[in-house]
PDB file of all heavy atoms in Angstrom:
ATOM      1  N   LYS A   1      69.072 116.504  86.738  1.00  0.00           N
ATOM      2  CA  LYS A   1      67.777 116.128  87.322  1.00  0.00           C
ATOM      3  C   LYS A   1      67.370 114.738  86.990  1.00  0.00           C
ATOM      4  O   LYS A   1      66.641 114.078  87.725  1.00  0.00           O
ATOM      5  CB  LYS A   1      66.691 117.159  86.871  1.00  0.00           C
ATOM      6  CG  LYS A   1      66.848 118.487  87.496  1.00  0.00           C
ATOM      7  CD  LYS A   1      65.743 119.433  86.924  1.00  0.00           C
ATOM      8  CE  LYS A   1      65.904 120.854  87.514  1.00  0.00           C
ATOM      9  NZ  LYS A   1      64.923 121.790  86.917  1.00  0.00           N
ATOM     10  N   ASN A   2      67.822 114.198  85.808  1.00  0.00           N
ATOM     11  CA  ASN A   2      67.368 112.899  85.337  1.00  0.00           C
ATOM     12  C   ASN A   2      68.148 111.739  85.967  1.00  0.00           C
ATOM     13  O   ASN A   2      67.894 110.615  85.758  1.00  0.00           O
ATOM     14  CB  ASN A   2      67.550 112.826  83.821  1.00  0.00           C
ATOM     15  CG  ASN A   2      66.468 113.562  83.078  1.00  0.00           C
ATOM     16  OD1 ASN A   2      65.414 113.835  83.638  1.00  0.00           O
ATOM     17  ND2 ASN A   2      66.754 113.900  81.825  1.00  0.00           N
ATOM     18  N   ILE A   3      69.217 112.033  86.808  1.00  0.00           N
ATOM     19  CA  ILE A   3      69.909 110.967  87.503  1.00  0.00           C
ATOM     20  C   ILE A   3      68.991 110.330  88.459  1.00  0.00           C
ATOM     21  O   ILE A   3      68.314 110.988  89.193  1.00  0.00           O
ATOM     22  CB  ILE A   3      71.150 111.574  88.192  1.00  0.00           C
ATOM     23  CG1 ILE A   3      72.231 112.159  87.162  1.00  0.00           C
ATOM     24  CG2 ILE A   3      71.802 110.472  89.081  1.00  0.00           C
ATOM     25  CD1 ILE A   3      73.390 112.764  87.892  1.00  0.00           C
ATOM     26  N   ASP A   4      68.999 109.021  88.372  1.00  0.00           N
ATOM     27  CA  ASP A   4      68.177 108.176  89.259  1.00  0.00           C
ATOM     28  C   ASP A   4      68.408 108.492  90.699  1.00  0.00           C
ATOM     29  O   ASP A   4      69.552 108.259  91.183  1.00  0.00           O
ATOM     30  CB  ASP A   4      68.359 106.683  88.900  1.00  0.00           C
ATOM     31  CG  ASP A   4      67.437 105.767  89.695  1.00  0.00           C
ATOM     32  OD1 ASP A   4      66.717 106.229  90.602  1.00  0.00           O
ATOM     33  OD2 ASP A   4      67.469 104.560  89.408  1.00  0.00           O
ATOM     34  N   PRO A   5      67.474 108.940  91.496  1.00  0.00           N
ATOM     35  CA  PRO A   5      67.741 109.282  92.877  1.00  0.00           C
ATOM     36  C   PRO A   5      68.060 108.043  93.733  1.00  0.00           C
ATOM     37  O   PRO A   5      68.569 108.203  94.806  1.00  0.00           O
ATOM     38  CB  PRO A   5      66.377 109.915  93.332  1.00  0.00           C
ATOM     39  CG  PRO A   5      65.366 109.490  92.351  1.00  0.00           C
ATOM     40  CD  PRO A   5      66.085 109.330  91.080  1.00  0.00           C
ATOM     41  N   THR A   6      67.746 106.880  93.242  1.00  0.00           N
ATOM     42  CA  THR A   6      68.097 105.621  93.987  1.00  0.00           C
ATOM     43  C   THR A   6      69.456 105.079  93.567  1.00  0.00           C
ATOM     44  O   THR A   6      69.941 104.073  94.146  1.00  0.00           O
ATOM     45  CB  THR A   6      67.029 104.529  93.679  1.00  0.00           C
ATOM     46  OG1 THR A   6      67.053 104.133  92.335  1.00  0.00           O
ATOM     47  CG2 THR A   6      65.644 105.058  94.101  1.00  0.00           C
ATOM     48  N   ASP A   7      70.141 105.720  92.646  1.00  0.00           N
ATOM     49  CA  ASP A   7      71.442 105.316  92.212  1.00  0.00           C
ATOM     50  C   ASP A   7      72.521 105.983  93.145  1.00  0.00           C
ATOM     51  O   ASP A   7      72.878 107.077  92.929  1.00  0.00           O
ATOM     52  CB  ASP A   7      71.634 105.757  90.765  1.00  0.00           C
ATOM     53  CG  ASP A   7      72.946 105.301  90.219  1.00  0.00           C
ATOM     54  OD1 ASP A   7      73.882 104.872  90.943  1.00  0.00           O
ATOM     55  OD2 ASP A   7      73.190 105.421  88.981  1.00  0.00           O
ATOM     56  N   ASP A   8      72.886 105.195  94.191  1.00  0.00           N
ATOM     57  CA  ASP A   8      73.874 105.701  95.191  1.00  0.00           C
ATOM     58  C   ASP A   8      75.190 106.038  94.613  1.00  0.00           C
ATOM     59  O   ASP A   8      75.755 107.031  95.065  1.00  0.00           O
ATOM     60  CB  ASP A   8      73.957 104.671  96.360  1.00  0.00           C
ATOM     61  CG  ASP A   8      72.734 104.609  97.186  1.00  0.00           C
ATOM     62  OD1 ASP A   8      71.913 105.569  97.249  1.00  0.00           O
ATOM     63  OD2 ASP A   8      72.564 103.502  97.828  1.00  0.00           O
ATOM     64  N   VAL A   9      75.662 105.269  93.712  1.00  0.00           N
ATOM     65  CA  VAL A   9      76.933 105.525  93.033  1.00  0.00           C
ATOM     66  C   VAL A   9      76.994 106.857  92.399  1.00  0.00           C
ATOM     67  O   VAL A   9      77.924 107.630  92.490  1.00  0.00           O
ATOM     68  CB  VAL A   9      77.363 104.386  92.105  1.00  0.00           C
ATOM     69  CG1 VAL A   9      78.652 104.705  91.391  1.00  0.00           C
ATOM     70  CG2 VAL A   9      77.362 103.010  92.842  1.00  0.00           C
ATOM     71  N   ALA A  10      75.870 107.153  91.611  1.00  0.00           N
ATOM     72  CA  ALA A  10      75.808 108.484  90.962  1.00  0.00           C
ATOM     73  C   ALA A  10      75.613 109.566  91.894  1.00  0.00           C
ATOM     74  O   ALA A  10      76.190 110.712  91.769  1.00  0.00           O
ATOM     75  CB  ALA A  10      74.640 108.418  89.914  1.00  0.00           C
ATOM     76  N   ARG A  11      74.813 109.326  93.037  1.00  0.00           N
ATOM     77  CA  ARG A  11      74.525 110.460  93.887  1.00  0.00           C
ATOM     78  C   ARG A  11      75.628 110.823  94.861  1.00  0.00           C
ATOM     79  O   ARG A  11      75.795 111.994  95.121  1.00  0.00           O
ATOM     80  CB  ARG A  11      73.279 109.940  94.750  1.00  0.00           C
ATOM     81  CG  ARG A  11      72.663 111.065  95.683  1.00  0.00           C
ATOM     82  CD  ARG A  11      71.475 110.531  96.399  1.00  0.00           C
ATOM     83  NE  ARG A  11      70.887 111.568  97.239  1.00  0.00           N
ATOM     84  CZ  ARG A  11      69.947 111.380  98.133  1.00  0.00           C
ATOM     85  NH1 ARG A  11      69.345 110.204  98.161  1.00  0.00           N
ATOM     86  NH2 ARG A  11      69.442 112.367  98.858  1.00  0.00           N
ATOM     87  N   TYR A  12      76.378 109.817  95.332  1.00  0.00           N
ATOM     88  CA  TYR A  12      77.446 110.069  96.266  1.00  0.00           C
ATOM     89  C   TYR A  12      78.864 109.850  95.711  1.00  0.00           C
ATOM     90  O   TYR A  12      79.813 110.255  96.386  1.00  0.00           O
ATOM     91  CB  TYR A  12      77.240 109.122  97.509  1.00  0.00           C
ATOM     92  CG  TYR A  12      75.998 109.322  98.220  1.00  0.00           C
ATOM     93  CD1 TYR A  12      74.923 108.344  98.152  1.00  0.00           C
ATOM     94  CD2 TYR A  12      75.670 110.513  98.888  1.00  0.00           C
ATOM     95  CE1 TYR A  12      73.773 108.574  98.841  1.00  0.00           C
ATOM     96  CE2 TYR A  12      74.502 110.715  99.572  1.00  0.00           C
ATOM     97  CZ  TYR A  12      73.537 109.728  99.495  1.00  0.00           C
ATOM     98  OH  TYR A  12      72.403 109.945 100.148  1.00  0.00           O
ATOM     99  N   SER A  13      78.966 109.288  94.587  1.00  0.00           N
ATOM    100  CA  SER A  13      80.315 109.026  93.937  1.00  0.00           C
ATOM    101  C   SER A  13      81.169 108.208  94.883  1.00  0.00           C
ATOM    102  O   SER A  13      82.350 108.463  95.123  1.00  0.00           O
ATOM    103  CB  SER A  13      80.982 110.379  93.599  1.00  0.00           C
ATOM    104  OG  SER A  13      80.465 110.913  92.421  1.00  0.00           O
ATOM    105  N   TYR A  14      80.617 107.096  95.298  1.00  0.00           N
ATOM    106  CA  TYR A  14      81.311 106.028  95.978  1.00  0.00           C
ATOM    107  C   TYR A  14      80.829 104.727  95.462  1.00  0.00           C
ATOM    108  O   TYR A  14      79.691 104.617  94.976  1.00  0.00           O
ATOM    109  CB  TYR A  14      80.970 106.008  97.487  1.00  0.00           C
ATOM    110  CG  TYR A  14      81.617 107.119  98.330  1.00  0.00           C
ATOM    111  CD1 TYR A  14      81.105 108.359  98.341  1.00  0.00           C
ATOM    112  CD2 TYR A  14      82.763 106.881  99.091  1.00  0.00           C
ATOM    113  CE1 TYR A  14      81.626 109.393  99.103  1.00  0.00           C
ATOM    114  CE2 TYR A  14      83.325 107.875  99.835  1.00  0.00           C
ATOM    115  CZ  TYR A  14      82.775 109.155  99.887  1.00  0.00           C
ATOM    116  OH  TYR A  14      83.377 110.122 100.591  1.00  0.00           O
ATOM    117  N   PRO A  15      81.604 103.594  95.514  1.00  0.00           N
ATOM    118  CA  PRO A  15      81.094 102.310  95.175  1.00  0.00           C
ATOM    119  C   PRO A  15      79.926 101.899  96.024  1.00  0.00           C
ATOM    120  O   PRO A  15      79.850 102.343  97.198  1.00  0.00           O
ATOM    121  CB  PRO A  15      82.344 101.359  95.383  1.00  0.00           C
ATOM    122  CG  PRO A  15      83.484 102.269  95.424  1.00  0.00           C
ATOM    123  CD  PRO A  15      83.038 103.604  95.913  1.00  0.00           C
ATOM    124  N   GLN A  16      79.036 101.131  95.487  1.00  0.00           N
ATOM    125  CA  GLN A  16      77.844 100.727  96.149  1.00  0.00           C
ATOM    126  C   GLN A  16      78.087 100.043  97.521  1.00  0.00           C
ATOM    127  O   GLN A  16      77.487 100.247  98.484  1.00  0.00           O
ATOM    128  CB  GLN A  16      76.928  99.864  95.322  1.00  0.00           C
ATOM    129  CG  GLN A  16      75.526  99.573  95.921  1.00  0.00           C
ATOM    130  CD  GLN A  16      74.671 100.816  96.064  1.00  0.00           C
ATOM    131  OE1 GLN A  16      74.477 101.519  95.097  1.00  0.00           O
ATOM    132  NE2 GLN A  16      74.226 101.145  97.278  1.00  0.00           N
ATOM    133  N   TRP A  17      79.109  99.144  97.501  1.00  0.00           N
ATOM    134  CA  TRP A  17      79.459  98.400  98.685  1.00  0.00           C
ATOM    135  C   TRP A  17      79.871  99.317  99.858  1.00  0.00           C
ATOM    136  O   TRP A  17      79.582  99.084 101.050  1.00  0.00           O
ATOM    137  CB  TRP A  17      80.496  97.341  98.443  1.00  0.00           C
ATOM    138  CG  TRP A  17      81.920  97.874  98.147  1.00  0.00           C
ATOM    139  CD1 TRP A  17      82.455  98.145  96.982  1.00  0.00           C
ATOM    140  CD2 TRP A  17      82.894  98.177  99.112  1.00  0.00           C
ATOM    141  NE1 TRP A  17      83.756  98.621  97.158  1.00  0.00           N
ATOM    142  CE2 TRP A  17      84.026  98.683  98.415  1.00  0.00           C
ATOM    143  CE3 TRP A  17      82.911  98.206 100.546  1.00  0.00           C
ATOM    144  CZ2 TRP A  17      85.125  99.111  99.029  1.00  0.00           C
ATOM    145  CZ3 TRP A  17      84.097  98.657 101.159  1.00  0.00           C
ATOM    146  CH2 TRP A  17      85.248  99.097 100.456  1.00  0.00           C
ATOM    147  N   TRP A  18      80.577 100.420  99.463  1.00  0.00           N
ATOM    148  CA  TRP A  18      81.040 101.376 100.465  1.00  0.00           C
ATOM    149  C   TRP A  18      79.886 102.083 101.075  1.00  0.00           C
ATOM    150  O   TRP A  18      79.781 102.306 102.347  1.00  0.00           O
ATOM    151  CB  TRP A  18      81.947 102.382  99.760  1.00  0.00           C
ATOM    152  CG  TRP A  18      82.789 103.254 100.591  1.00  0.00           C
ATOM    153  CD1 TRP A  18      82.309 104.074 101.599  1.00  0.00           C
ATOM    154  CD2 TRP A  18      84.240 103.443 100.526  1.00  0.00           C
ATOM    155  NE1 TRP A  18      83.425 104.792 102.176  1.00  0.00           N
ATOM    156  CE2 TRP A  18      84.582 104.462 101.464  1.00  0.00           C
ATOM    157  CE3 TRP A  18      85.212 102.915  99.747  1.00  0.00           C
ATOM    158  CZ2 TRP A  18      85.864 104.941 101.624  1.00  0.00           C
ATOM    159  CZ3 TRP A  18      86.500 103.476  99.845  1.00  0.00           C
ATOM    160  CH2 TRP A  18      86.833 104.362 100.819  1.00  0.00           C
ATOM    161  N   VAL A  19      78.905 102.604 100.284  1.00  0.00           N
ATOM    162  CA  VAL A  19      77.751 103.241 100.726  1.00  0.00           C
ATOM    163  C   VAL A  19      76.970 102.323 101.625  1.00  0.00           C
ATOM    164  O   VAL A  19      76.498 102.744 102.707  1.00  0.00           O
ATOM    165  CB  VAL A  19      76.854 103.737  99.523  1.00  0.00           C
ATOM    166  CG1 VAL A  19      75.610 104.365 100.014  1.00  0.00           C
ATOM    167  CG2 VAL A  19      77.690 104.707  98.653  1.00  0.00           C
ATOM    168  N   ASN A  20      76.789 101.071 101.234  1.00  0.00           N
ATOM    169  CA  ASN A  20      76.016 100.085 102.005  1.00  0.00           C
ATOM    170  C   ASN A  20      76.671  99.894 103.372  1.00  0.00           C
ATOM    171  O   ASN A  20      75.926  99.837 104.395  1.00  0.00           O
ATOM    172  CB  ASN A  20      75.907  98.782 101.255  1.00  0.00           C
ATOM    173  CG  ASN A  20      75.058  98.812 100.039  1.00  0.00           C
ATOM    174  OD1 ASN A  20      74.343  99.808  99.840  1.00  0.00           O
ATOM    175  ND2 ASN A  20      75.205  97.863  99.208  1.00  0.00           N
ATOM    176  N   LYS A  21      77.962  99.826 103.383  1.00  0.00           N
ATOM    177  CA  LYS A  21      78.683  99.561 104.659  1.00  0.00           C
ATOM    178  C   LYS A  21      78.535 100.716 105.626  1.00  0.00           C
ATOM    179  O   LYS A  21      78.205 100.578 106.804  1.00  0.00           O
ATOM    180  CB  LYS A  21      80.120  99.267 104.390  1.00  0.00           C
ATOM    181  CG  LYS A  21      80.938  98.910 105.655  1.00  0.00           C
ATOM    182  CD  LYS A  21      82.390  98.547 105.292  1.00  0.00           C
ATOM    183  CE  LYS A  21      82.562  97.300 104.559  1.00  0.00           C
ATOM    184  NZ  LYS A  21      82.214  96.066 105.430  1.00  0.00           N
ATOM    185  N   LEU A  22      78.659 101.935 105.194  1.00  0.00           N
ATOM    186  CA  LEU A  22      78.552 103.093 106.049  1.00  0.00           C
ATOM    187  C   LEU A  22      77.064 103.272 106.505  1.00  0.00           C
ATOM    188  O   LEU A  22      76.852 103.599 107.622  1.00  0.00           O
ATOM    189  CB  LEU A  22      79.014 104.370 105.351  1.00  0.00           C
ATOM    190  CG  LEU A  22      80.524 104.586 105.184  1.00  0.00           C
ATOM    191  CD1 LEU A  22      80.817 106.022 104.893  1.00  0.00           C
ATOM    192  CD2 LEU A  22      81.280 104.217 106.506  1.00  0.00           C
ATOM    193  N   ARG A  23      76.187 103.015 105.556  1.00  0.00           N
ATOM    194  CA  ARG A  23      74.726 103.150 105.929  1.00  0.00           C
ATOM    195  C   ARG A  23      74.376 102.200 107.066  1.00  0.00           C
ATOM    196  O   ARG A  23      73.663 102.502 108.007  1.00  0.00           O
ATOM    197  CB  ARG A  23      73.889 102.850 104.726  1.00  0.00           C
ATOM    198  CG  ARG A  23      72.411 103.139 104.986  1.00  0.00           C
ATOM    199  CD  ARG A  23      71.554 102.735 103.687  1.00  0.00           C
ATOM    200  NE  ARG A  23      71.522 103.787 102.726  1.00  0.00           N
ATOM    201  CZ  ARG A  23      71.869 103.610 101.428  1.00  0.00           C
ATOM    202  NH1 ARG A  23      72.206 102.520 100.974  1.00  0.00           N
ATOM    203  NH2 ARG A  23      71.677 104.751 100.549  1.00  0.00           N
ATOM    204  N   HIS A  24      74.962 100.959 106.968  1.00  0.00           N
ATOM    205  CA  HIS A  24      74.704  99.961 108.040  1.00  0.00           C
ATOM    206  C   HIS A  24      75.435 100.336 109.360  1.00  0.00           C
ATOM    207  O   HIS A  24      74.877 100.153 110.427  1.00  0.00           O
ATOM    208  CB  HIS A  24      75.172  98.591 107.557  1.00  0.00           C
ATOM    209  CG  HIS A  24      75.036  97.566 108.556  1.00  0.00           C
ATOM    210  ND1 HIS A  24      73.836  97.011 109.068  1.00  0.00           N
ATOM    211  CD2 HIS A  24      76.069  96.855 109.251  1.00  0.00           C
ATOM    212  CE1 HIS A  24      74.127  96.105 109.990  1.00  0.00           C
ATOM    213  NE2 HIS A  24      75.492  95.998 110.067  1.00  0.00           N
ATOM    214  N   GLN A  25      76.700 100.699 109.278  1.00  0.00           N
ATOM    215  CA  GLN A  25      77.485 100.949 110.482  1.00  0.00           C
ATOM    216  C   GLN A  25      77.215 102.293 111.114  1.00  0.00           C
ATOM    217  O   GLN A  25      77.485 102.474 112.305  1.00  0.00           O
ATOM    218  CB  GLN A  25      78.957 100.779 110.141  1.00  0.00           C
ATOM    219  CG  GLN A  25      79.393  99.372 109.652  1.00  0.00           C
ATOM    220  CD  GLN A  25      80.884  99.262 109.439  1.00  0.00           C
ATOM    221  OE1 GLN A  25      81.652 100.195 109.443  1.00  0.00           O
ATOM    222  NE2 GLN A  25      81.290  97.980 109.220  1.00  0.00           N
ATOM    223  N   TYR A  26      76.821 103.292 110.282  1.00  0.00           N
ATOM    224  CA  TYR A  26      76.532 104.636 110.915  1.00  0.00           C
ATOM    225  C   TYR A  26      75.141 105.132 110.462  1.00  0.00           C
ATOM    226  O   TYR A  26      75.029 105.949 109.571  1.00  0.00           O
ATOM    227  CB  TYR A  26      77.619 105.628 110.363  1.00  0.00           C
ATOM    228  CG  TYR A  26      79.037 105.316 110.780  1.00  0.00           C
ATOM    229  CD1 TYR A  26      79.803 104.532 109.960  1.00  0.00           C
ATOM    230  CD2 TYR A  26      79.559 105.755 112.037  1.00  0.00           C
ATOM    231  CE1 TYR A  26      81.155 104.232 110.346  1.00  0.00           C
ATOM    232  CE2 TYR A  26      80.856 105.509 112.384  1.00  0.00           C
ATOM    233  CZ  TYR A  26      81.665 104.702 111.545  1.00  0.00           C
ATOM    234  OH  TYR A  26      82.920 104.412 111.910  1.00  0.00           O
ATOM    235  N   PRO A  27      74.082 104.561 111.070  1.00  0.00           N
ATOM    236  CA  PRO A  27      72.719 104.878 110.597  1.00  0.00           C
ATOM    237  C   PRO A  27      72.408 106.389 110.647  1.00  0.00           C
ATOM    238  O   PRO A  27      71.633 106.838 109.833  1.00  0.00           O
ATOM    239  CB  PRO A  27      71.848 104.114 111.564  1.00  0.00           C
ATOM    240  CG  PRO A  27      72.698 103.032 112.148  1.00  0.00           C
ATOM    241  CD  PRO A  27      74.097 103.604 112.125  1.00  0.00           C
TER     242      PRO A  27
END
């Protein structure tokens, strides 16, 4: 529960650049 909900790397277990790219390319 204490994991930062804005920490994409912890939430999704992908590098931040990967999450950013998919978020941009597949809204």
